[in-house]
């Protein structure tokens, strides 16, 4: 039973990581091409960096740090988001089972 729960958490973690990587890549490419859609990708990056900014307001996951620190901040951010999504999924499953 615990393996299944861990499997769901890891799946959520990697899905969020891929989504954030693609949004970050899109933001960089759109910003370099001076496209108007970069404002939308900037808003998405701000939303995705919200959990890590709760720890320190000067600390979004795309902070101008060294590469290894950028990776650590990004992983911490994704872990926080994965935990929140996982808990929400567990709550929804418990509510459905109780009905």
PDB file of N, CA and C in Angstrom:
ATOM      1  N   UNK A   1       0.825  -1.197   0.000  1.00  0.00           N
ATOM      2  CA  UNK A   1       0.000   0.000   0.000  1.00  0.00           C
ATOM      3  C   UNK A   1       0.867   1.258   0.000  1.00  0.00           C
ATOM      4  N   UNK A   2       1.948   1.285   0.775  1.00  0.00           N
ATOM      5  CA  UNK A   2       2.807   2.460   0.839  1.00  0.00           C
ATOM      6  C   UNK A   2       3.521   2.707  -0.482  1.00  0.00           C
ATOM      7  N   UNK A   3       3.845   1.628  -1.215  1.00  0.00           N
ATOM      8  CA  UNK A   3       4.497   1.802  -2.507  1.00  0.00           C
ATOM      9  C   UNK A   3       3.576   2.504  -3.482  1.00  0.00           C
ATOM     10  N   UNK A   4       2.312   2.173  -3.452  1.00  0.00           N
ATOM     11  CA  UNK A   4       1.362   2.808  -4.349  1.00  0.00           C
ATOM     12  C   UNK A   4       1.255   4.295  -4.027  1.00  0.00           C
ATOM     13  N   UNK A   5       1.202   4.640  -2.759  1.00  0.00           N
ATOM     14  CA  UNK A   5       1.115   6.044  -2.366  1.00  0.00           C
ATOM     15  C   UNK A   5       2.373   6.802  -2.780  1.00  0.00           C
ATOM     16  N   UNK A   6       3.528   6.182  -2.601  1.00  0.00           N
ATOM     17  CA  UNK A   6       4.777   6.817  -2.996  1.00  0.00           C
ATOM     18  C   UNK A   6       4.851   6.944  -4.519  1.00  0.00           C
ATOM     19  N   UNK A   7       4.333   5.961  -5.218  1.00  0.00           N
ATOM     20  CA  UNK A   7       4.328   6.003  -6.679  1.00  0.00           C
ATOM     21  C   UNK A   7       3.503   7.188  -7.175  1.00  0.00           C
ATOM     22  N   UNK A   8       2.336   7.432  -6.582  1.00  0.00           N
ATOM     23  CA  UNK A   8       1.507   8.579  -6.963  1.00  0.00           C
ATOM     24  C   UNK A   8       2.221   9.901  -6.671  1.00  0.00           C
ATOM     25  N   UNK A   9       2.875   9.970  -5.523  1.00  0.00           N
ATOM     26  CA  UNK A   9       3.588  11.193  -5.159  1.00  0.00           C
ATOM     27  C   UNK A   9       4.719  11.464  -6.144  1.00  0.00           C
ATOM     28  N   UNK A  10       5.480  10.451  -6.484  1.00  0.00           N
ATOM     29  CA  UNK A  10       6.595  10.621  -7.415  1.00  0.00           C
ATOM     30  C   UNK A  10       6.081  11.003  -8.797  1.00  0.00           C
ATOM     31  N   UNK A  11       4.953  10.416  -9.202  1.00  0.00           N
ATOM     32  CA  UNK A  11       4.357  10.771 -10.487  1.00  0.00           C
ATOM     33  C   UNK A  11       3.937  12.239 -10.499  1.00  0.00           C
ATOM     34  N   UNK A  12       3.287  12.675  -9.445  1.00  0.00           N
ATOM     35  CA  UNK A  12       2.886  14.084  -9.330  1.00  0.00           C
ATOM     36  C   UNK A  12       4.110  14.989  -9.351  1.00  0.00           C
ATOM     37  N   UNK A  13       5.154  14.595  -8.632  1.00  0.00           N
ATOM     38  CA  UNK A  13       6.396  15.369  -8.566  1.00  0.00           C
ATOM     39  C   UNK A  13       6.991  15.557  -9.958  1.00  0.00           C
ATOM     40  N   UNK A  14       7.118  14.472 -10.710  1.00  0.00           N
ATOM     41  CA  UNK A  14       7.739  14.570 -12.028  1.00  0.00           C
ATOM     42  C   UNK A  14       6.856  15.297 -13.041  1.00  0.00           C
ATOM     43  N   UNK A  15       5.553  15.147 -12.938  1.00  0.00           N
ATOM     44  CA  UNK A  15       4.654  15.889 -13.831  1.00  0.00           C
ATOM     45  C   UNK A  15       4.779  17.386 -13.568  1.00  0.00           C
ATOM     46  N   UNK A  16       4.778  17.778 -12.305  1.00  0.00           N
ATOM     47  CA  UNK A  16       4.940  19.195 -11.975  1.00  0.00           C
ATOM     48  C   UNK A  16       6.307  19.720 -12.414  1.00  0.00           C
ATOM     49  N   UNK A  17       7.341  18.898 -12.279  1.00  0.00           N
ATOM     50  CA  UNK A  17       8.675  19.306 -12.675  1.00  0.00           C
ATOM     51  C   UNK A  17       8.745  19.551 -14.188  1.00  0.00           C
ATOM     52  N   UNK A  18       8.155  18.659 -14.961  1.00  0.00           N
ATOM     53  CA  UNK A  18       8.158  18.827 -16.413  1.00  0.00           C
ATOM     54  C   UNK A  18       7.359  20.061 -16.817  1.00  0.00           C
ATOM     55  N   UNK A  19       6.202  20.247 -16.201  1.00  0.00           N
ATOM     56  CA  UNK A  19       5.373  21.414 -16.517  1.00  0.00           C
ATOM     57  C   UNK A  19       6.124  22.706 -16.210  1.00  0.00           C
ATOM     58  N   UNK A  20       6.765  22.766 -15.063  1.00  0.00           N
ATOM     59  CA  UNK A  20       7.497  23.972 -14.698  1.00  0.00           C
ATOM     60  C   UNK A  20       8.692  24.199 -15.619  1.00  0.00           C
ATOM     61  N   UNK A  21       9.367  23.134 -16.003  1.00  0.00           N
ATOM     62  CA  UNK A  21      10.502  23.276 -16.918  1.00  0.00           C
ATOM     63  C   UNK A  21      10.037  23.819 -18.264  1.00  0.00           C
ATOM     64  N   UNK A  22       8.930  23.277 -18.777  1.00  0.00           N
ATOM     65  CA  UNK A  22       8.420  23.733 -20.067  1.00  0.00           C
ATOM     66  C   UNK A  22       7.950  25.185 -20.009  1.00  0.00           C
ATOM     67  N   UNK A  23       7.302  25.575 -18.922  1.00  0.00           N
ATOM     68  CA  UNK A  23       6.863  26.968 -18.780  1.00  0.00           C
ATOM     69  C   UNK A  23       8.074  27.893 -18.666  1.00  0.00           C
ATOM     70  N   UNK A  24       9.089  27.488 -17.924  1.00  0.00           N
ATOM     71  CA  UNK A  24      10.308  28.292 -17.818  1.00  0.00           C
ATOM     72  C   UNK A  24      11.022  28.427 -19.148  1.00  0.00           C
ATOM     73  N   UNK A  25      11.101  27.325 -19.885  1.00  0.00           N
ATOM     74  CA  UNK A  25      11.724  27.361 -21.205  1.00  0.00           C
ATOM     75  C   UNK A  25      10.928  28.244 -22.158  1.00  0.00           C
ATOM     76  N   UNK A  26       9.607  28.129 -22.112  1.00  0.00           N
ATOM     77  CA  UNK A  26       8.759  28.966 -22.959  1.00  0.00           C
ATOM     78  C   UNK A  26       8.933  30.440 -22.607  1.00  0.00           C
ATOM     79  N   UNK A  27       9.049  30.749 -21.321  1.00  0.00           N
ATOM     80  CA  UNK A  27       9.226  32.140 -20.910  1.00  0.00           C
ATOM     81  C   UNK A  27      10.539  32.702 -21.435  1.00  0.00           C
ATOM     82  N   UNK A  28      11.597  31.918 -21.341  1.00  0.00           N
ATOM     83  CA  UNK A  28      12.893  32.384 -21.835  1.00  0.00           C
ATOM     84  C   UNK A  28      12.840  32.608 -23.347  1.00  0.00           C
ATOM     85  N   UNK A  29      12.282  31.643 -24.071  1.00  0.00           N
ATOM     86  CA  UNK A  29      12.221  31.764 -25.527  1.00  0.00           C
ATOM     87  C   UNK A  29      11.304  32.918 -25.965  1.00  0.00           C
ATOM     88  N   UNK A  30      10.176  33.080 -25.293  1.00  0.00           N
ATOM     89  CA  UNK A  30       9.267  34.174 -25.645  1.00  0.00           C
ATOM     90  C   UNK A  30       9.859  35.535 -25.284  1.00  0.00           C
ATOM     91  N   UNK A  31      10.588  35.598 -24.188  1.00  0.00           N
ATOM     92  CA  UNK A  31      11.218  36.868 -23.797  1.00  0.00           C
ATOM     93  C   UNK A  31      12.309  37.259 -24.788  1.00  0.00           C
ATOM     94  N   UNK A  32      13.074  36.277 -25.257  1.00  0.00           N
ATOM     95  CA  UNK A  32      14.141  36.572 -26.216  1.00  0.00           C
ATOM     96  C   UNK A  32      13.597  37.007 -27.565  1.00  0.00           C
ATOM     97  N   UNK A  33      12.425  36.493 -27.919  1.00  0.00           N
ATOM     98  CA  UNK A  33      11.842  36.868 -29.205  1.00  0.00           C
ATOM     99  C   UNK A  33      10.926  38.099 -29.085  1.00  0.00           C
ATOM    100  N   UNK A  34      10.853  38.676 -27.896  1.00  0.00           N
ATOM    101  CA  UNK A  34      10.038  39.852 -27.610  1.00  0.00           C
ATOM    102  C   UNK A  34       8.576  39.632 -28.018  1.00  0.00           C
ATOM    103  N   UNK A  35       8.062  38.473 -27.657  1.00  0.00           N
ATOM    104  CA  UNK A  35       6.688  38.103 -27.955  1.00  0.00           C
ATOM    105  C   UNK A  35       5.778  38.585 -26.824  1.00  0.00           C
ATOM    106  N   UNK A  36       4.545  38.932 -27.159  1.00  0.00           N
ATOM    107  CA  UNK A  36       3.603  39.412 -26.148  1.00  0.00           C
ATOM    108  C   UNK A  36       3.160  38.314 -25.197  1.00  0.00           C
ATOM    109  N   UNK A  37       3.302  37.058 -25.609  1.00  0.00           N
ATOM    110  CA  UNK A  37       2.906  35.939 -24.750  1.00  0.00           C
ATOM    111  C   UNK A  37       3.852  35.754 -23.563  1.00  0.00           C
ATOM    112  N   UNK A  38       4.973  36.444 -23.555  1.00  0.00           N
ATOM    113  CA  UNK A  38       5.894  36.332 -22.425  1.00  0.00           C
ATOM    114  C   UNK A  38       5.273  36.870 -21.146  1.00  0.00           C
ATOM    115  N   UNK A  39       4.314  37.774 -21.263  1.00  0.00           N
ATOM    116  CA  UNK A  39       3.641  38.267 -20.059  1.00  0.00           C
ATOM    117  C   UNK A  39       2.796  37.167 -19.427  1.00  0.00           C
ATOM    118  N   UNK A  40       2.172  36.322 -20.243  1.00  0.00           N
ATOM    119  CA  UNK A  40       1.385  35.205 -19.715  1.00  0.00           C
ATOM    120  C   UNK A  40       2.292  34.171 -19.073  1.00  0.00           C
ATOM    121  N   UNK A  41       3.412  33.863 -19.731  1.00  0.00           N
ATOM    122  CA  UNK A  41       4.331  32.885 -19.140  1.00  0.00           C
ATOM    123  C   UNK A  41       4.967  33.443 -17.867  1.00  0.00           C
ATOM    124  N   UNK A  42       5.158  34.753 -17.803  1.00  0.00           N
ATOM    125  CA  UNK A  42       5.679  35.372 -16.579  1.00  0.00           C
ATOM    126  C   UNK A  42       4.708  35.235 -15.418  1.00  0.00           C
ATOM    127  N   UNK A  43       3.423  35.384 -15.719  1.00  0.00           N
ATOM    128  CA  UNK A  43       2.399  35.204 -14.680  1.00  0.00           C
ATOM    129  C   UNK A  43       2.375  33.752 -14.207  1.00  0.00           C
ATOM    130  N   UNK A  44       2.492  32.810 -15.145  1.00  0.00           N
ATOM    131  CA  UNK A  44       2.516  31.394 -14.768  1.00  0.00           C
ATOM    132  C   UNK A  44       3.732  31.071 -13.904  1.00  0.00           C
ATOM    133  N   UNK A  45       4.866  31.642 -14.225  1.00  0.00           N
ATOM    134  CA  UNK A  45       6.067  31.419 -13.411  1.00  0.00           C
ATOM    135  C   UNK A  45       5.875  31.995 -12.020  1.00  0.00           C
ATOM    136  N   UNK A  46       5.259  33.149 -11.925  1.00  0.00           N
ATOM    137  CA  UNK A  46       4.988  33.746 -10.611  1.00  0.00           C
ATOM    138  C   UNK A  46       4.069  32.850  -9.789  1.00  0.00           C
ATOM    139  N   UNK A  47       3.047  32.286 -10.425  1.00  0.00           N
ATOM    140  CA  UNK A  47       2.143  31.372  -9.711  1.00  0.00           C
ATOM    141  C   UNK A  47       2.869  30.107  -9.257  1.00  0.00           C
ATOM    142  N   UNK A  48       3.703  29.561 -10.124  1.00  0.00           N
ATOM    143  CA  UNK A  48       4.430  28.353  -9.754  1.00  0.00           C
ATOM    144  C   UNK A  48       5.507  28.610  -8.703  1.00  0.00           C
ATOM    145  N   UNK A  49       6.011  29.830  -8.606  1.00  0.00           N
ATOM    146  CA  UNK A  49       7.035  30.125  -7.603  1.00  0.00           C
ATOM    147  C   UNK A  49       6.425  30.546  -6.271  1.00  0.00           C
ATOM    148  N   UNK A  50       5.115  30.556  -6.168  1.00  0.00           N
ATOM    149  CA  UNK A  50       4.452  30.994  -4.939  1.00  0.00           C
ATOM    150  C   UNK A  50       4.859  30.193  -3.699  1.00  0.00           C
ATOM    151  N   UNK A  51       4.912  28.849  -3.746  1.00  0.00           N
ATOM    152  CA  UNK A  51       5.271  28.118  -2.510  1.00  0.00           C
ATOM    153  C   UNK A  51       6.642  28.479  -1.956  1.00  0.00           C
ATOM    154  N   UNK A  52       7.636  28.622  -2.817  1.00  0.00           N
ATOM    155  CA  UNK A  52       8.974  28.944  -2.320  1.00  0.00           C
ATOM    156  C   UNK A  52       9.051  30.407  -1.885  1.00  0.00           C
ATOM    157  N   UNK A  53       8.216  31.272  -2.456  1.00  0.00           N
ATOM    158  CA  UNK A  53       8.228  32.674  -2.042  1.00  0.00           C
ATOM    159  C   UNK A  53       7.579  32.851  -0.672  1.00  0.00           C
ATOM    160  N   UNK A  54       6.812  31.865  -0.206  1.00  0.00           N
ATOM    161  CA  UNK A  54       6.275  31.937   1.149  1.00  0.00           C
ATOM    162  C   UNK A  54       7.371  31.778   2.197  1.00  0.00           C
ATOM    163  N   UNK A  55       8.418  31.038   1.850  1.00  0.00           N
ATOM    164  CA  UNK A  55       9.553  30.861   2.760  1.00  0.00           C
ATOM    165  C   UNK A  55      10.318  32.174   2.888  1.00  0.00           C
ATOM    166  N   UNK A  56      10.598  32.798   1.749  1.00  0.00           N
ATOM    167  CA  UNK A  56      11.278  34.079   1.728  1.00  0.00           C
ATOM    168  C   UNK A  56      10.768  34.832   0.506  1.00  0.00           C
ATOM    169  N   UNK A  57      10.289  36.033   0.673  1.00  0.00           N
ATOM    170  CA  UNK A  57       9.681  36.768  -0.440  1.00  0.00           C
ATOM    171  C   UNK A  57      10.689  37.106  -1.535  1.00  0.00           C
ATOM    172  N   UNK A  58      11.971  37.094  -1.215  1.00  0.00           N
ATOM    173  CA  UNK A  58      13.001  37.373  -2.213  1.00  0.00           C
ATOM    174  C   UNK A  58      13.517  36.099  -2.881  1.00  0.00           C
ATOM    175  N   UNK A  59      12.779  35.016  -2.742  1.00  0.00           N
ATOM    176  CA  UNK A  59      13.310  33.731  -3.173  1.00  0.00           C
ATOM    177  C   UNK A  59      12.366  33.000  -4.127  1.00  0.00           C
ATOM    178  N   UNK A  60      12.190  33.479  -5.341  1.00  0.00           N
ATOM    179  CA  UNK A  60      11.478  32.645  -6.302  1.00  0.00           C
ATOM    180  C   UNK A  60      12.406  31.553  -6.815  1.00  0.00           C
ATOM    181  N   UNK A  61      11.822  30.507  -7.396  1.00  0.00           N
ATOM    182  CA  UNK A  61      12.659  29.388  -7.808  1.00  0.00           C
ATOM    183  C   UNK A  61      13.523  29.729  -9.021  1.00  0.00           C
ATOM    184  N   UNK A  62      13.279  30.841  -9.678  1.00  0.00           N
ATOM    185  CA  UNK A  62      14.108  31.226 -10.810  1.00  0.00           C
ATOM    186  C   UNK A  62      15.090  32.331 -10.423  1.00  0.00           C
ATOM    187  N   UNK A  63      15.439  32.387  -9.136  1.00  0.00           N
ATOM    188  CA  UNK A  63      16.316  33.430  -8.618  1.00  0.00           C
ATOM    189  C   UNK A  63      17.674  33.397  -9.318  1.00  0.00           C
ATOM    190  N   UNK A  64      18.308  34.534  -9.353  1.00  0.00           N
ATOM    191  CA  UNK A  64      19.613  34.648  -9.993  1.00  0.00           C
ATOM    192  C   UNK A  64      20.687  34.144  -9.039  1.00  0.00           C
ATOM    193  N   UNK A  65      20.833  32.855  -8.992  1.00  0.00           N
ATOM    194  CA  UNK A  65      21.823  32.201  -8.141  1.00  0.00           C
ATOM    195  C   UNK A  65      22.683  31.316  -9.021  1.00  0.00           C
ATOM    196  N   UNK A  66      23.601  30.616  -8.379  1.00  0.00           N
ATOM    197  CA  UNK A  66      24.407  29.649  -9.113  1.00  0.00           C
ATOM    198  C   UNK A  66      23.517  28.492  -9.544  1.00  0.00           C
ATOM    199  N   UNK A  67      23.991  27.718 -10.496  1.00  0.00           N
ATOM    200  CA  UNK A  67      23.170  26.676 -11.109  1.00  0.00           C
ATOM    201  C   UNK A  67      22.716  25.622 -10.101  1.00  0.00           C
ATOM    202  N   UNK A  68      23.606  25.192  -9.198  1.00  0.00           N
ATOM    203  CA  UNK A  68      23.212  24.176  -8.227  1.00  0.00           C
ATOM    204  C   UNK A  68      22.184  24.709  -7.230  1.00  0.00           C
ATOM    205  N   UNK A  69      22.291  25.983  -6.845  1.00  0.00           N
ATOM    206  CA  UNK A  69      21.300  26.568  -5.943  1.00  0.00           C
ATOM    207  C   UNK A  69      19.962  26.734  -6.656  1.00  0.00           C
ATOM    208  N   UNK A  70      19.998  27.072  -7.925  1.00  0.00           N
ATOM    209  CA  UNK A  70      18.783  27.169  -8.716  1.00  0.00           C
ATOM    210  C   UNK A  70      18.076  25.822  -8.748  1.00  0.00           C
ATOM    211  N   UNK A  71      18.841  24.745  -8.922  1.00  0.00           N
ATOM    212  CA  UNK A  71      18.265  23.398  -8.911  1.00  0.00           C
ATOM    213  C   UNK A  71      17.672  23.031  -7.565  1.00  0.00           C
ATOM    214  N   UNK A  72      18.372  23.384  -6.502  1.00  0.00           N
ATOM    215  CA  UNK A  72      17.872  23.084  -5.153  1.00  0.00           C
ATOM    216  C   UNK A  72      16.578  23.842  -4.882  1.00  0.00           C
ATOM    217  N   UNK A  73      16.526  25.132  -5.218  1.00  0.00           N
ATOM    218  CA  UNK A  73      15.300  25.916  -5.020  1.00  0.00           C
ATOM    219  C   UNK A  73      14.147  25.353  -5.841  1.00  0.00           C
ATOM    220  N   UNK A  74      14.450  24.958  -7.072  1.00  0.00           N
ATOM    221  CA  UNK A  74      13.424  24.414  -7.950  1.00  0.00           C
ATOM    222  C   UNK A  74      12.870  23.107  -7.404  1.00  0.00           C
ATOM    223  N   UNK A  75      13.748  22.236  -6.918  1.00  0.00           N
ATOM    224  CA  UNK A  75      13.302  20.952  -6.359  1.00  0.00           C
ATOM    225  C   UNK A  75      12.495  21.169  -5.086  1.00  0.00           C
ATOM    226  N   UNK A  76      12.931  22.083  -4.232  1.00  0.00           N
ATOM    227  CA  UNK A  76      12.169  22.385  -3.009  1.00  0.00           C
ATOM    228  C   UNK A  76      10.777  22.902  -3.375  1.00  0.00           C
ATOM    229  N   UNK A  77      10.722  23.771  -4.362  1.00  0.00           N
ATOM    230  CA  UNK A  77       9.449  24.326  -4.809  1.00  0.00           C
ATOM    231  C   UNK A  77       8.533  23.229  -5.339  1.00  0.00           C
ATOM    232  N   UNK A  78       9.070  22.333  -6.146  1.00  0.00           N
ATOM    233  CA  UNK A  78       8.266  21.252  -6.716  1.00  0.00           C
ATOM    234  C   UNK A  78       7.828  20.275  -5.628  1.00  0.00           C
ATOM    235  N   UNK A  79       8.671  20.013  -4.647  1.00  0.00           N
ATOM    236  CA  UNK A  79       8.292  19.125  -3.542  1.00  0.00           C
ATOM    237  C   UNK A  79       7.122  19.720  -2.760  1.00  0.00           C
ATOM    238  N   UNK A  80       7.187  21.010  -2.472  1.00  0.00           N
ATOM    239  CA  UNK A  80       6.088  21.663  -1.755  1.00  0.00           C
ATOM    240  C   UNK A  80       4.794  21.559  -2.560  1.00  0.00           C
ATOM    241  N   UNK A  81       4.874  21.839  -3.853  1.00  0.00           N
ATOM    242  CA  UNK A  81       3.685  21.757  -4.700  1.00  0.00           C
ATOM    243  C   UNK A  81       3.163  20.332  -4.796  1.00  0.00           C
ATOM    244  N   UNK A  82       4.064  19.353  -4.917  1.00  0.00           N
ATOM    245  CA  UNK A  82       3.643  17.954  -5.020  1.00  0.00           C
ATOM    246  C   UNK A  82       2.957  17.497  -3.734  1.00  0.00           C
ATOM    247  N   UNK A  83       3.460  17.941  -2.599  1.00  0.00           N
ATOM    248  CA  UNK A  83       2.828  17.586  -1.323  1.00  0.00           C
ATOM    249  C   UNK A  83       1.415  18.160  -1.259  1.00  0.00           C
ATOM    250  N   UNK A  84       1.259  19.415  -1.666  1.00  0.00           N
ATOM    251  CA  UNK A  84      -0.060  20.047  -1.636  1.00  0.00           C
ATOM    252  C   UNK A  84      -1.028  19.324  -2.569  1.00  0.00           C
ATOM    253  N   UNK A  85      -0.597  19.040  -3.787  1.00  0.00           N
ATOM    254  CA  UNK A  85      -1.459  18.335  -4.740  1.00  0.00           C
ATOM    255  C   UNK A  85      -1.787  16.938  -4.240  1.00  0.00           C
ATOM    256  N   UNK A  86      -0.807  16.243  -3.676  1.00  0.00           N
ATOM    257  CA  UNK A  86      -1.007  14.890  -3.168  1.00  0.00           C
ATOM    258  C   UNK A  86      -2.015  14.877  -2.011  1.00  0.00           C
ATOM    259  N   UNK A  87      -1.897  15.827  -1.104  1.00  0.00           N
ATOM    260  CA  UNK A  87      -2.829  15.907   0.026  1.00  0.00           C
ATOM    261  C   UNK A  87      -4.240  16.216  -0.470  1.00  0.00           C
ATOM    262  N   UNK A  88      -4.350  17.097  -1.448  1.00  0.00           N
ATOM    263  CA  UNK A  88      -5.672  17.401  -2.006  1.00  0.00           C
ATOM    264  C   UNK A  88      -6.280  16.155  -2.641  1.00  0.00           C
ATOM    265  N   UNK A  89      -5.486  15.388  -3.368  1.00  0.00           N
ATOM    266  CA  UNK A  89      -5.984  14.155  -3.981  1.00  0.00           C
ATOM    267  C   UNK A  89      -6.406  13.155  -2.912  1.00  0.00           C
ATOM    268  N   UNK A  90      -5.629  13.025  -1.832  1.00  0.00           N
ATOM    269  CA  UNK A  90      -5.998  12.116  -0.745  1.00  0.00           C
ATOM    270  C   UNK A  90      -7.304  12.551  -0.078  1.00  0.00           C
ATOM    271  N   UNK A  91      -7.473  13.840   0.135  1.00  0.00           N
ATOM    272  CA  UNK A  91      -8.703  14.343   0.751  1.00  0.00           C
ATOM    273  C   UNK A  91      -9.901  14.055  -0.140  1.00  0.00           C
ATOM    274  N   UNK A  92      -9.750  14.280  -1.430  1.00  0.00           N
ATOM    275  CA  UNK A  92     -10.840  14.003  -2.361  1.00  0.00           C
ATOM    276  C   UNK A  92     -11.181  12.508  -2.361  1.00  0.00           C
ATOM    277  N   UNK A  93     -10.185  11.646  -2.318  1.00  0.00           N
ATOM    278  CA  UNK A  93     -10.440  10.204  -2.285  1.00  0.00           C
ATOM    279  C   UNK A  93     -11.151   9.806  -0.997  1.00  0.00           C
ATOM    280  N   UNK A  94     -10.755  10.382   0.123  1.00  0.00           N
ATOM    281  CA  UNK A  94     -11.408  10.066   1.404  1.00  0.00           C
ATOM    282  C   UNK A  94     -12.859  10.516   1.395  1.00  0.00           C
ATOM    283  N   UNK A  95     -13.115  11.686   0.835  1.00  0.00           N
ATOM    284  CA  UNK A  95     -14.493  12.188   0.770  1.00  0.00           C
ATOM    285  C   UNK A  95     -15.340  11.274  -0.117  1.00  0.00           C
ATOM    286  N   UNK A  96     -14.793  10.864  -1.241  1.00  0.00           N
ATOM    287  CA  UNK A  96     -15.547   9.958  -2.131  1.00  0.00           C
ATOM    288  C   UNK A  96     -15.793   8.609  -1.486  1.00  0.00           C
ATOM    289  N   UNK A  97     -14.831   8.098  -0.714  1.00  0.00           N
ATOM    290  CA  UNK A  97     -15.005   6.810  -0.039  1.00  0.00           C
ATOM    291  C   UNK A  97     -16.024   6.891   1.078  1.00  0.00           C
ATOM    292  N   UNK A  98     -16.113   8.024   1.731  1.00  0.00           N
ATOM    293  CA  UNK A  98     -17.055   8.156   2.831  1.00  0.00           C
ATOM    294  C   UNK A  98     -18.496   8.278   2.350  1.00  0.00           C
ATOM    295  N   UNK A  99     -18.672   8.718   1.122  1.00  0.00           N
ATOM    296  CA  UNK A  99     -20.021   8.828   0.566  1.00  0.00           C
ATOM    297  C   UNK A  99     -20.391   7.485   0.054  1.00  0.00           C
TER     298      UNK A  99
END
